[in-house]
Amino acid sequence: MEETSTSATQTSTLIAEEIIATPPVDPTGLIAQKWLEIKILTDSMEKDIAKNANKKNLQAGIRVRKGFRTMKSWLSDLIKITIAADKTTAMVREDRKLIKKGLK
């Protein structure tokens, strides 16, 4: 019985040490990728915005509104991604605090 308890304790300690050493889950790559997509969409809409505003080009206005709808959807996705990333980071930090308190 004592061997099983010691083995379980060692395993728990190893897992705790691994959690402490592991950096928080960082989907920054995903956040940066989504932001880049939004910037590219914005840049691609500039000509159509100018055509619609200055020359009253109706088709350009349609393209701009379609782009705005797409942008709205992508911004919503970006917000969800950043909220999930923040929650994950907070959970990892809390786990680290608890584990450090338990190891000392």
Foldseek 3Di string as FASTA:
>chain_A
DVVVVVVVVVVVLVVLVVLLPDAFDDVVVVLVVLVVVLVVLVVVLVVLVCCCVPVVDPVSVVVNVVSVVVSVVSVVVSVVVVVVSVVRNVVSVVSNVVSVVVVD
